Amino acid sequence: MFDALSDRLESAWKKLRGQDKISQSNIQDALREVRRALLEADVNLQVVKDFISEVEAKAQGADVLAGVRPDQQFIKIVHDELVQVMGAENIPLAETEEQPTIVLMAGLQGTGKTTASAKLALHLRKLDRSCLLVATDVYRPAAIDQLVTLGKQINVPVFDMGSGADPVEIARQGVERGRAEGVNTVIIDTAGRLQIDEDMMGELARIKETVQPHETLLVVDSMTGQEAANLTRTFHEQIGITGAILTKLDGDSRGGAALSVRQISGAPIKFVGVGEKVEALQPFYPDRMASRILGMGDVLTLVEKAQEEIDLADAEKMQEKILSAKFDFTDFLKQLRLLKNMGSLGGIMKMIPGMGKLSDDQLKQGETQLKRCEAMINSMTRQERHDPDLLASSPSRRRRIASGSGYRESDVSKLVADFQKMRSLMQQMGQGQMPGMPGMFGGGMGNAFAGGGGGNRPAAPGWRGYNSGAGTKKKKSKDKKKKGFGNL
């Protein structure tokens, strides 16, 4: 989503490269590029003006540290201001002592509100909070059926009274059902409209007055740019909301919504939708989003995604195999499938510092290489997967695998050779050595991981500190298996 904005901002850093210090004269060109970048990203004009004013004031008063280039110092200042504009810190969903916690979902039609309700329920379930979904959208055809289907998919019960009932009464009885069953959180999916009108606002106000929700979340489409911020402000003024959920953040929106909502409406962004799958909902962390915008990756979110998929016992076994050079093709295939479960390769790469500038062609080539590897491994016998050395010494086995997978014998030979190099490398790294990284599995992703194609973005001084825990909140989980990232 932020590719165009990131590219524009990078041109701003270039204005300061080669300078020995930040000054009134040399900063103006950089500020002009930043202003143009934000306006092209559809950020609200007043937000842009305030942002540029703050950055200029801080940049002129900043002392450039010894050994730090002016462009790096400027990146740090822009990063800090981006974090402030988006809300400074993550604001988690309320959890009350007197249960159930009631969450009212609001928004216009077509923003993904019903799906967002199910995504939120699944997110809370992962935090060991039981949920009940309440279907009050009696106007849109199949809206209730959609929520019921999503509820079955994520194993969360749905309360509904059919399309002929009063939405206010459905909401009231839904909350009573949740209270009677001891549910932790009740999520009420309300009806949307094609535009803001008095009837919609009136019904929403009556539902809110009846159920007295602890959270009123507005679901807004990030594709609408700064209009999303204006919509949030209107709802906040007329209904009173506690936060927003930005959907379709994985699309080709330019980023204006994420940078405008908090400043214009005063309501924090609490969650972002990053895909169509019901698992694709993430808490919103301003510091992590600022890092993504500046092309610095988002390691913390990547680790959290991995923690959801990795079992601690499996991670420990894998570590032992790596240290003893017993990592085999079966283990590698398991890691490939784990990577698929975490999302698209492009999405994962953008979270890794330095990988944000990989082109679509490079990512497609990487996807192709991984599919080739999987096809060839699937054509191996169980014995060959467990003992890769068998393939290194047997051309006939390699020919059979090539025939079964539809590739050439040379492709299989390269896979085996690269795998043996990787296994040796992983063993050395596990023992504390830092050998050079060889290109793995062909030119596409091999060159990317080796450092070619990762772009040449300057890193802000002390950048690791920005992602070392700011804005994070440890999860309370009873599932002790999924707490470690291990050495994978």
Protein backbone atom coordinates (compact mmCIF):
# COMPACT_ATOMS: atom_id res chain seq x y z
CA MET A 1 0.00 0.00 0.00
CA PHE A 2 2.75 2.45 0.94
CA ASP A 3 5.07 1.70 -2.00
CA ALA A 4 4.44 5.00 -3.82
CA LEU A 5 4.73 7.00 -0.59
CA SER A 6 7.94 5.19 0.37
CA ASP A 7 9.49 5.89 -3.03
CA ARG A 8 8.60 9.58 -2.79
CA LEU A 9 10.07 9.87 0.70
CA GLU A 10 13.27 8.17 -0.43
CA SER A 11 13.74 10.96 -2.96
CA ALA A 12 13.51 13.40 -0.04
CA TRP A 13 16.38 11.67 1.78
CA LYS A 14 18.51 11.98 -1.36
CA LYS A 15 18.24 15.77 -1.12
CA LEU A 16 20.29 15.62 2.06
CA ARG A 17 22.88 13.04 1.07
CA GLY A 18 26.36 14.43 0.79
CA GLN A 19 25.56 17.30 3.15
CA ASP A 20 27.62 17.70 6.30
CA LYS A 21 24.78 19.12 8.40
CA ILE A 22 21.10 20.05 8.39
CA SER A 23 20.51 23.70 7.58
CA GLN A 24 17.67 26.04 6.65
CA SER A 25 18.72 26.01 3.02
CA ASN A 26 19.31 22.32 2.38
CA ILE A 27 16.22 21.13 4.26
CA GLN A 28 13.72 23.00 2.08
CA ASP A 29 14.10 20.69 -0.92
CA ALA A 30 13.66 17.64 1.33
CA LEU A 31 10.57 19.14 2.98
CA ARG A 32 9.13 19.93 -0.43
CA GLU A 33 9.48 16.26 -1.42
CA VAL A 34 7.89 15.11 1.84
CA ARG A 35 4.97 17.50 1.32
CA ARG A 36 4.46 16.27 -2.24
CA ALA A 37 4.65 12.65 -1.08
CA LEU A 38 1.98 13.14 1.58
CA LEU A 39 -0.36 15.04 -0.73
CA GLU A 40 -0.05 12.38 -3.43
CA ALA A 41 -0.86 9.79 -0.75
CA ASP A 42 -4.18 11.64 -0.22
CA VAL A 43 -3.34 12.80 3.29
CA ASN A 44 -5.60 15.60 4.58
CA LEU A 45 -4.22 19.05 3.67
CA GLN A 46 -4.30 20.39 7.23
CA VAL A 47 -2.52 17.27 8.48
CA VAL A 48 0.17 17.80 5.83
CA LYS A 49 0.65 21.44 6.84
CA ASP A 50 0.95 20.58 10.54
CA PHE A 51 3.26 17.65 9.79
CA ILE A 52 5.66 19.70 7.66
CA SER A 53 5.68 22.50 10.22
CA GLU A 54 6.60 20.12 13.05
CA VAL A 55 9.28 18.32 11.03
CA GLU A 56 10.84 21.61 9.94
CA ALA A 57 10.95 22.95 13.50
CA LYS A 58 12.49 19.76 14.88
CA ALA A 59 14.96 19.39 12.00
CA GLN A 60 16.30 22.93 12.37
CA GLY A 61 16.76 22.49 16.09
CA ALA A 62 18.31 19.04 15.86
CA ASP A 63 21.95 18.43 16.65
CA VAL A 64 23.39 15.92 14.21
CA LEU A 65 25.20 13.26 16.20
CA ALA A 66 28.79 12.38 15.43
CA GLY A 67 28.96 9.62 12.85
CA VAL A 68 25.34 10.13 11.74
CA ARG A 69 24.57 11.55 8.32
CA PRO A 70 22.05 14.43 8.01
CA ASP A 71 19.72 12.25 5.89
CA GLN A 72 19.68 9.61 8.63
CA GLN A 73 18.90 12.25 11.23
CA PHE A 74 16.09 13.59 9.04
CA ILE A 75 14.61 10.08 8.66
CA LYS A 76 14.53 9.74 12.44
CA ILE A 77 12.68 13.05 12.77
CA VAL A 78 10.14 12.09 10.08
CA HIS A 79 9.66 8.67 11.70
CA ASP A 80 8.98 10.18 15.11
CA GLU A 81 6.48 12.65 13.65
CA LEU A 82 4.70 9.91 11.68
CA VAL A 83 4.26 8.00 14.93
CA GLN A 84 2.79 11.08 16.63
CA VAL A 85 0.39 11.76 13.75
CA MET A 86 -0.93 8.20 13.82
CA GLY A 87 -1.44 8.13 17.57
CA ALA A 88 1.90 7.49 19.32
CA GLU A 89 0.90 4.07 20.71
CA ASN A 90 -1.41 1.13 20.25
CA ILE A 91 -4.70 1.43 22.13
CA PRO A 92 -6.02 -2.08 22.83
CA LEU A 93 -9.65 -3.10 22.82
CA ALA A 94 -11.39 -2.60 26.15
CA GLU A 95 -11.89 -5.56 28.47
CA THR A 96 -14.21 -4.92 31.41
CA GLU A 97 -14.43 -6.74 34.72
CA GLU A 98 -18.21 -6.85 34.42
CA GLN A 99 -18.82 -9.14 31.48
CA PRO A 100 -19.70 -9.16 28.71
CA THR A 101 -17.65 -6.44 27.07
CA ILE A 102 -19.90 -5.02 24.36
CA VAL A 103 -18.45 -3.94 21.00
CA LEU A 104 -20.69 -2.09 18.54
CA MET A 105 -19.58 -2.19 14.90
CA ALA A 106 -20.65 0.70 12.64
CA GLY A 107 -19.89 1.89 9.13
CA LEU A 108 -21.10 2.48 5.60
CA GLN A 109 -22.12 -0.33 3.28
CA GLY A 110 -19.29 -1.98 1.39
CA THR A 111 -16.53 -1.27 3.91
CA GLY A 112 -16.26 -4.91 5.01
CA LYS A 113 -18.00 -4.40 8.34
CA THR A 114 -19.55 -7.88 8.63
CA THR A 115 -16.27 -9.56 7.73
CA ALA A 116 -14.41 -7.24 10.13
CA SER A 117 -16.79 -8.35 12.91
CA ALA A 118 -15.85 -11.98 12.32
CA LYS A 119 -12.15 -11.11 12.05
CA LEU A 120 -12.33 -9.30 15.38
CA ALA A 121 -14.07 -12.28 16.99
CA LEU A 122 -11.32 -14.61 15.77
CA HIS A 123 -8.63 -12.21 16.99
CA LEU A 124 -10.20 -12.14 20.46
CA ARG A 125 -10.57 -15.92 20.47
CA LYS A 126 -6.81 -16.21 19.99
CA LEU A 127 -6.48 -14.13 23.17
CA ASP A 128 -8.69 -16.65 25.00
CA ARG A 129 -11.72 -14.34 25.03
CA SER A 130 -15.01 -16.10 24.25
CA CYS A 131 -17.23 -14.21 21.80
CA LEU A 132 -20.80 -13.98 20.57
CA LEU A 133 -21.65 -12.31 17.25
CA VAL A 134 -25.02 -10.55 17.00
CA ALA A 135 -26.58 -9.99 13.54
CA THR A 136 -28.72 -6.82 13.45
CA ASP A 137 -28.38 -6.02 9.73
CA VAL A 138 -31.92 -6.93 8.62
CA TYR A 139 -31.81 -4.78 5.46
CA ARG A 140 -29.01 -6.07 3.28
CA PRO A 141 -29.91 -9.35 1.55
CA ALA A 142 -28.02 -12.32 3.00
CA ALA A 143 -26.19 -10.17 5.58
CA ILE A 144 -27.36 -12.44 8.40
CA ASP A 145 -26.47 -15.57 6.41
CA GLN A 146 -23.02 -14.14 5.75
CA LEU A 147 -22.36 -13.59 9.46
CA VAL A 148 -23.70 -17.06 10.33
CA THR A 149 -21.40 -18.62 7.72
CA LEU A 150 -18.39 -16.70 9.03
CA GLY A 151 -19.29 -17.67 12.59
CA LYS A 152 -19.26 -21.36 11.67
CA GLN A 153 -15.94 -20.89 9.90
CA ILE A 154 -14.25 -19.48 13.02
CA ASN A 155 -16.29 -21.54 15.50
CA VAL A 156 -17.99 -18.52 17.10
CA PRO A 157 -21.77 -18.60 17.82
CA VAL A 158 -24.05 -16.07 16.08
CA PHE A 159 -27.27 -14.70 17.58
CA ASP A 160 -29.99 -13.62 15.17
CA MET A 161 -33.78 -13.24 15.14
CA GLY A 162 -34.32 -13.26 11.39
CA SER A 163 -34.79 -10.40 8.95
CA GLY A 164 -38.22 -9.37 10.25
CA ALA A 165 -37.16 -8.34 13.76
CA ASP A 166 -36.32 -4.87 15.10
CA PRO A 167 -32.51 -4.30 15.07
CA VAL A 168 -32.64 -2.58 18.47
CA GLU A 169 -34.44 -5.56 20.02
CA ILE A 170 -32.02 -8.01 18.36
CA ALA A 171 -29.09 -6.12 19.89
CA ARG A 172 -30.72 -6.04 23.35
CA GLN A 173 -31.55 -9.74 23.37
CA GLY A 174 -28.15 -10.61 21.93
CA VAL A 175 -26.41 -8.88 24.83
CA GLU A 176 -28.72 -10.67 27.29
CA ARG A 177 -27.87 -14.00 25.66
CA GLY A 178 -24.17 -13.27 25.98
CA ARG A 179 -24.57 -12.30 29.62
CA ALA A 180 -26.59 -15.44 30.39
CA GLU A 181 -24.02 -17.71 28.75
CA GLY A 182 -21.05 -16.01 30.42
CA VAL A 183 -19.53 -14.81 27.15
CA ASN A 184 -16.53 -12.51 27.49
CA THR A 185 -17.26 -10.24 24.49
CA VAL A 186 -20.41 -9.54 22.46
CA ILE A 187 -19.81 -8.07 18.98
CA ILE A 188 -22.84 -6.41 17.37
CA ASP A 189 -22.81 -6.13 13.58
CA THR A 190 -25.08 -3.23 12.57
CA ALA A 191 -26.55 -2.26 9.21
CA GLY A 192 -24.60 -0.06 6.83
CA ARG A 193 -25.90 2.41 4.28
CA LEU A 194 -24.69 3.73 0.97
CA GLN A 195 -24.36 7.17 2.53
CA ILE A 196 -24.74 8.86 5.91
CA ASP A 197 -28.46 9.55 6.51
CA GLU A 198 -30.66 10.44 9.45
CA ASP A 199 -32.42 7.06 9.57
CA MET A 200 -29.18 5.14 9.80
CA MET A 201 -27.76 7.45 12.45
CA GLY A 202 -31.02 7.35 14.40
CA GLU A 203 -31.16 3.56 14.47
CA LEU A 204 -27.49 3.34 15.41
CA ALA A 205 -28.01 5.86 18.21
CA ARG A 206 -30.96 3.84 19.58
CA ILE A 207 -28.93 0.62 19.54
CA LYS A 208 -26.07 2.35 21.32
CA GLU A 209 -28.39 3.87 23.93
CA THR A 210 -30.02 0.46 24.54
CA VAL A 211 -26.92 -1.75 24.87
CA GLN A 212 -24.46 0.86 26.25
CA PRO A 213 -21.39 -0.53 24.44
CA HIS A 214 -17.91 -0.29 25.92
CA GLU A 215 -16.43 0.10 22.42
CA THR A 216 -18.00 1.66 19.32
CA LEU A 217 -15.75 0.88 16.36
CA LEU A 218 -16.20 2.49 12.96
CA VAL A 219 -15.14 0.31 10.03
CA VAL A 220 -13.77 2.48 7.21
CA ASP A 221 -12.42 1.62 3.78
CA SER A 222 -8.81 2.83 3.50
CA MET A 223 -9.26 3.04 -0.29
CA THR A 224 -11.28 6.24 0.25
CA GLY A 225 -8.16 8.12 1.40
CA GLN A 226 -8.67 11.23 3.48
CA GLU A 227 -12.45 10.86 3.06
CA ALA A 228 -12.13 7.99 5.55
CA ALA A 229 -10.93 10.53 8.12
CA ASN A 230 -13.83 12.87 7.37
CA LEU A 231 -16.28 9.99 7.72
CA THR A 232 -14.74 9.03 11.05
CA ARG A 233 -15.09 12.61 12.29
CA THR A 234 -18.77 12.73 11.25
CA PHE A 235 -19.59 9.50 13.07
CA HIS A 236 -17.60 10.64 16.09
CA GLU A 237 -19.50 13.92 16.29
CA GLN A 238 -22.96 12.40 15.81
CA ILE A 239 -22.67 9.00 17.49
CA GLY A 240 -19.47 9.01 19.50
CA ILE A 241 -16.93 6.32 18.59
CA THR A 242 -14.00 4.92 20.54
CA GLY A 243 -11.90 3.84 17.58
CA ALA A 244 -11.68 2.83 13.94
CA ILE A 245 -10.84 -0.28 11.94
CA LEU A 246 -9.20 0.39 8.57
CA THR A 247 -10.00 -2.30 6.00
CA LYS A 248 -8.35 -3.13 2.66
CA LEU A 249 -4.96 -1.89 3.84
CA ASP A 250 -3.38 -4.54 1.63
CA GLY A 251 -4.86 -2.96 -1.50
CA ASP A 252 -3.53 -0.19 -3.70
CA SER A 253 -4.73 2.65 -1.49
CA ARG A 254 -2.17 5.42 -1.12
CA GLY A 255 -2.06 5.60 2.67
CA GLY A 256 -3.92 8.85 3.28
CA ALA A 257 -6.47 7.23 5.57
CA ALA A 258 -3.89 5.77 7.96
CA LEU A 259 -2.15 9.13 8.24
CA SER A 260 -5.29 11.25 8.58
CA VAL A 261 -7.84 9.42 10.73
CA ARG A 262 -6.37 10.13 14.16
CA GLN A 263 -5.58 13.79 13.52
CA ILE A 264 -8.87 14.68 11.84
CA SER A 265 -11.34 12.64 13.90
CA GLY A 266 -9.57 12.34 17.24
CA ALA A 267 -10.44 8.62 17.25
CA PRO A 268 -7.57 6.11 17.30
CA ILE A 269 -7.10 3.37 14.72
CA LYS A 270 -7.33 0.13 16.72
CA PHE A 271 -7.13 -2.53 14.01
CA VAL A 272 -6.26 -2.83 10.32
CA GLY A 273 -7.50 -5.38 7.80
CA VAL A 274 -4.65 -6.69 5.67
CA GLY A 275 -6.35 -9.28 3.48
CA GLU A 276 -9.56 -11.09 2.62
CA LYS A 277 -8.95 -14.09 4.86
CA VAL A 278 -10.70 -14.09 8.21
CA GLU A 279 -7.30 -14.26 9.95
CA ALA A 280 -6.15 -11.04 8.25
CA LEU A 281 -6.72 -8.55 11.07
CA GLN A 282 -3.87 -6.90 12.99
CA PRO A 283 -3.74 -4.50 15.93
CA PHE A 284 -2.59 -1.09 14.76
CA TYR A 285 0.82 0.00 16.05
CA PRO A 286 1.79 3.52 14.88
CA ASP A 287 5.53 2.88 15.32
CA ARG A 288 5.41 -0.28 13.21
CA MET A 289 3.35 1.43 10.51
CA ALA A 290 5.84 4.31 10.41
CA SER A 291 8.64 1.78 9.92
CA ARG A 292 6.78 0.21 7.00
CA ILE A 293 6.18 3.61 5.41
CA LEU A 294 9.88 4.41 5.62
CA GLY A 295 10.84 1.03 4.14
CA MET A 296 12.39 -0.20 7.40
CA GLY A 297 10.26 -3.34 7.68
CA ASP A 298 8.19 -4.58 10.59
CA VAL A 299 10.04 -7.35 12.37
CA LEU A 300 7.76 -7.47 15.44
CA THR A 301 4.62 -8.16 13.41
CA LEU A 302 6.53 -10.79 11.41
CA VAL A 303 7.58 -12.53 14.63
CA GLU A 304 4.02 -12.41 15.99
CA LYS A 305 2.68 -13.95 12.77
CA ALA A 306 5.28 -16.71 13.08
CA GLN A 307 4.40 -17.31 16.74
CA GLU A 308 0.82 -18.05 15.74
CA GLU A 309 2.01 -20.80 13.42
CA ILE A 310 5.01 -22.25 15.27
CA ASP A 311 4.79 -24.82 18.04
CA LEU A 312 7.49 -24.36 20.69
CA ALA A 313 8.25 -28.10 20.88
CA ASP A 314 8.67 -28.24 17.08
CA ALA A 315 10.94 -25.19 17.20
CA GLU A 316 13.20 -26.83 19.78
CA LYS A 317 13.42 -30.03 17.73
CA MET A 318 14.25 -27.99 14.65
CA GLN A 319 16.98 -26.16 16.54
CA GLU A 320 18.57 -29.46 17.53
CA LYS A 321 18.47 -30.65 13.92
CA ILE A 322 20.08 -27.44 12.68
CA LEU A 323 22.90 -27.62 15.23
CA SER A 324 23.62 -31.26 14.40
CA ALA A 325 23.32 -30.75 10.60
CA LYS A 326 20.35 -33.16 10.48
CA PHE A 327 17.98 -30.63 8.91
CA ASP A 328 16.47 -32.51 5.95
CA PHE A 329 14.11 -31.99 3.04
CA THR A 330 11.09 -32.97 5.17
CA ASP A 331 11.94 -30.15 7.58
CA PHE A 332 12.47 -27.75 4.70
CA LEU A 333 9.09 -28.66 3.19
CA LYS A 334 7.47 -28.01 6.57
CA GLN A 335 9.06 -24.55 6.63
CA LEU A 336 7.82 -23.79 3.11
CA ARG A 337 4.27 -24.62 4.14
CA LEU A 338 4.64 -22.56 7.31
CA LEU A 339 5.70 -19.63 5.12
CA LYS A 340 2.52 -20.05 3.03
CA ASN A 341 0.36 -20.04 6.16
CA MET A 342 1.90 -16.73 7.24
CA GLY A 343 0.74 -15.00 4.05
CA SER A 344 2.08 -14.03 0.66
CA LEU A 345 5.81 -13.94 0.07
CA GLY A 346 5.56 -10.27 -0.93
CA GLY A 347 3.79 -9.36 2.31
CA ILE A 348 6.40 -11.16 4.40
CA MET A 349 9.33 -9.65 2.51
CA LYS A 350 8.05 -6.12 3.12
CA MET A 351 8.25 -6.76 6.87
CA ILE A 352 11.95 -7.61 6.66
CA PRO A 353 14.25 -4.56 6.86
CA GLY A 354 15.94 -3.90 3.52
CA MET A 355 13.54 -6.09 1.54
CA GLY A 356 10.86 -3.46 0.93
CA LYS A 357 12.34 -2.46 -2.45
CA LEU A 358 12.10 -5.88 -4.04
CA SER A 359 10.33 -5.55 -7.38
CA ASP A 360 7.22 -7.52 -8.31
CA ASP A 361 9.33 -9.47 -10.81
CA GLN A 362 11.79 -10.48 -8.09
CA LEU A 363 8.96 -11.55 -5.78
CA LYS A 364 7.29 -13.55 -8.56
CA GLN A 365 10.61 -15.20 -9.34
CA GLY A 366 10.99 -16.06 -5.67
CA GLU A 367 7.48 -17.55 -5.55
CA THR A 368 8.31 -19.60 -8.64
CA GLN A 369 11.55 -20.88 -7.12
CA LEU A 370 9.76 -21.97 -3.94
CA LYS A 371 7.09 -23.81 -5.95
CA ARG A 372 9.82 -25.57 -7.96
CA CYS A 373 11.50 -26.66 -4.74
CA GLU A 374 8.23 -28.00 -3.33
CA ALA A 375 7.41 -29.91 -6.52
CA MET A 376 10.84 -31.58 -6.58
CA ILE A 377 10.74 -32.46 -2.87
CA ASN A 378 7.26 -33.98 -3.31
CA SER A 379 8.74 -36.27 -5.99
CA MET A 380 11.32 -37.68 -3.55
CA THR A 381 10.89 -40.88 -1.56
CA ARG A 382 10.69 -40.64 2.22
CA GLN A 383 14.22 -42.05 2.49
CA GLU A 384 15.58 -39.43 0.06
CA ARG A 385 13.95 -36.60 2.00
CA HIS A 386 15.53 -37.79 5.24
CA ASP A 387 18.95 -38.41 3.69
CA PRO A 388 19.79 -35.74 1.05
CA ASP A 389 23.27 -37.28 0.64
CA LEU A 390 21.63 -40.16 -1.27
CA LEU A 391 20.72 -37.74 -4.02
CA ALA A 392 24.15 -36.15 -4.15
CA SER A 393 25.72 -39.51 -5.02
CA SER A 394 23.03 -40.96 -7.31
CA PRO A 395 22.34 -39.48 -10.76
CA SER A 396 19.60 -42.06 -11.38
CA ARG A 397 17.65 -40.85 -8.34
CA ARG A 398 17.97 -37.26 -9.51
CA ARG A 399 16.74 -38.23 -13.00
CA ARG A 400 13.71 -40.00 -11.51
CA ILE A 401 12.83 -36.95 -9.36
CA ALA A 402 13.26 -34.64 -12.35
CA SER A 403 10.93 -36.80 -14.42
CA GLY A 404 8.33 -36.95 -11.63
CA SER A 405 8.35 -33.20 -10.94
CA GLY A 406 8.52 -32.02 -14.54
CA TYR A 407 11.92 -30.32 -14.23
CA ARG A 408 15.42 -31.06 -15.51
CA GLU A 409 18.02 -33.18 -13.77
CA SER A 410 20.22 -30.07 -13.50
CA ASP A 411 17.45 -28.35 -11.52
CA VAL A 412 17.35 -31.23 -9.04
CA SER A 413 21.15 -31.26 -8.80
CA LYS A 414 21.17 -27.53 -8.04
CA LEU A 415 18.46 -27.96 -5.40
CA VAL A 416 20.49 -30.67 -3.66
CA ALA A 417 23.73 -28.69 -3.84
CA ASP A 418 22.09 -25.50 -2.56
CA PHE A 419 20.36 -27.40 0.21
CA GLN A 420 23.63 -28.89 1.43
CA LYS A 421 25.25 -25.43 1.43
CA MET A 422 22.29 -24.02 3.35
CA ARG A 423 22.42 -26.84 5.91
CA SER A 424 26.12 -26.22 6.50
CA LEU A 425 25.51 -22.48 6.79
CA MET A 426 22.68 -22.93 9.30
CA GLN A 427 24.86 -25.20 11.43
CA GLN A 428 27.68 -22.62 11.50
CA MET A 429 25.27 -19.81 12.37
CA GLY A 430 23.76 -21.94 15.13
CA GLN A 431 27.25 -22.37 16.59
CA GLY A 432 27.83 -18.63 16.68
CA GLN A 433 29.80 -18.27 13.44
CA MET A 434 28.82 -15.76 10.77
CA PRO A 435 29.85 -17.08 7.34
CA GLY A 436 28.97 -15.35 4.08
CA MET A 437 25.46 -15.94 2.79
CA PRO A 438 25.39 -17.96 -0.45
CA GLY A 439 22.71 -17.42 -3.09
CA MET A 440 19.95 -19.94 -2.48
CA PHE A 441 17.61 -21.59 -4.99
CA GLY A 442 18.36 -19.55 -8.07
CA GLY A 443 18.93 -15.92 -8.87
CA GLY A 444 15.59 -14.41 -7.83
CA MET A 445 15.21 -14.79 -4.11
CA GLY A 446 18.80 -15.93 -3.74
CA ASN A 447 20.11 -12.53 -4.75
CA ALA A 448 17.45 -10.82 -2.67
CA PHE A 449 18.40 -12.67 0.50
CA ALA A 450 22.06 -12.20 -0.27
CA GLY A 451 21.54 -8.46 -0.33
CA GLY A 452 21.22 -7.69 -4.03
CA GLY A 453 17.92 -6.01 -4.75
CA GLY A 454 17.09 -4.99 -1.22
CA GLY A 455 17.41 -1.35 -2.10
CA ASN A 456 19.77 1.18 -0.61
CA ARG A 457 17.66 2.90 2.01
CA PRO A 458 19.65 4.53 4.78
CA ALA A 459 18.87 3.25 8.24
CA ALA A 460 17.95 5.73 10.92
CA PRO A 461 20.42 5.85 13.82
CA GLY A 462 19.54 3.40 16.55
CA TRP A 463 16.76 2.01 14.37
CA ARG A 464 16.56 -1.28 16.24
CA GLY A 465 15.45 0.62 19.28
CA TYR A 466 12.29 1.75 17.50
CA ASN A 467 11.15 -1.84 17.02
CA SER A 468 12.51 -3.30 20.23
CA GLY A 469 9.25 -3.21 22.11
CA ALA A 470 7.66 0.21 21.81
CA GLY A 471 3.94 -0.07 21.43
CA THR A 472 3.89 -3.80 22.02
CA LYS A 473 1.74 -5.66 24.48
CA LYS A 474 2.43 -9.19 25.61
CA LYS A 475 -0.39 -11.58 24.91
CA LYS A 476 -2.05 -13.48 27.72
CA SER A 477 -2.29 -16.97 26.35
CA LYS A 478 -3.11 -20.25 28.00
CA ASP A 479 -1.66 -22.09 25.03
CA LYS A 480 1.94 -22.45 26.17
CA LYS A 481 2.91 -24.21 23.00
CA LYS A 482 2.74 -21.08 20.86
CA LYS A 483 5.02 -18.70 22.70
CA GLY A 484 8.35 -19.15 21.01
CA PHE A 485 9.86 -18.11 17.73
CA GLY A 486 12.86 -20.35 18.23
CA ASN A 487 15.74 -20.21 15.78
CA LEU A 488 13.64 -20.70 12.66
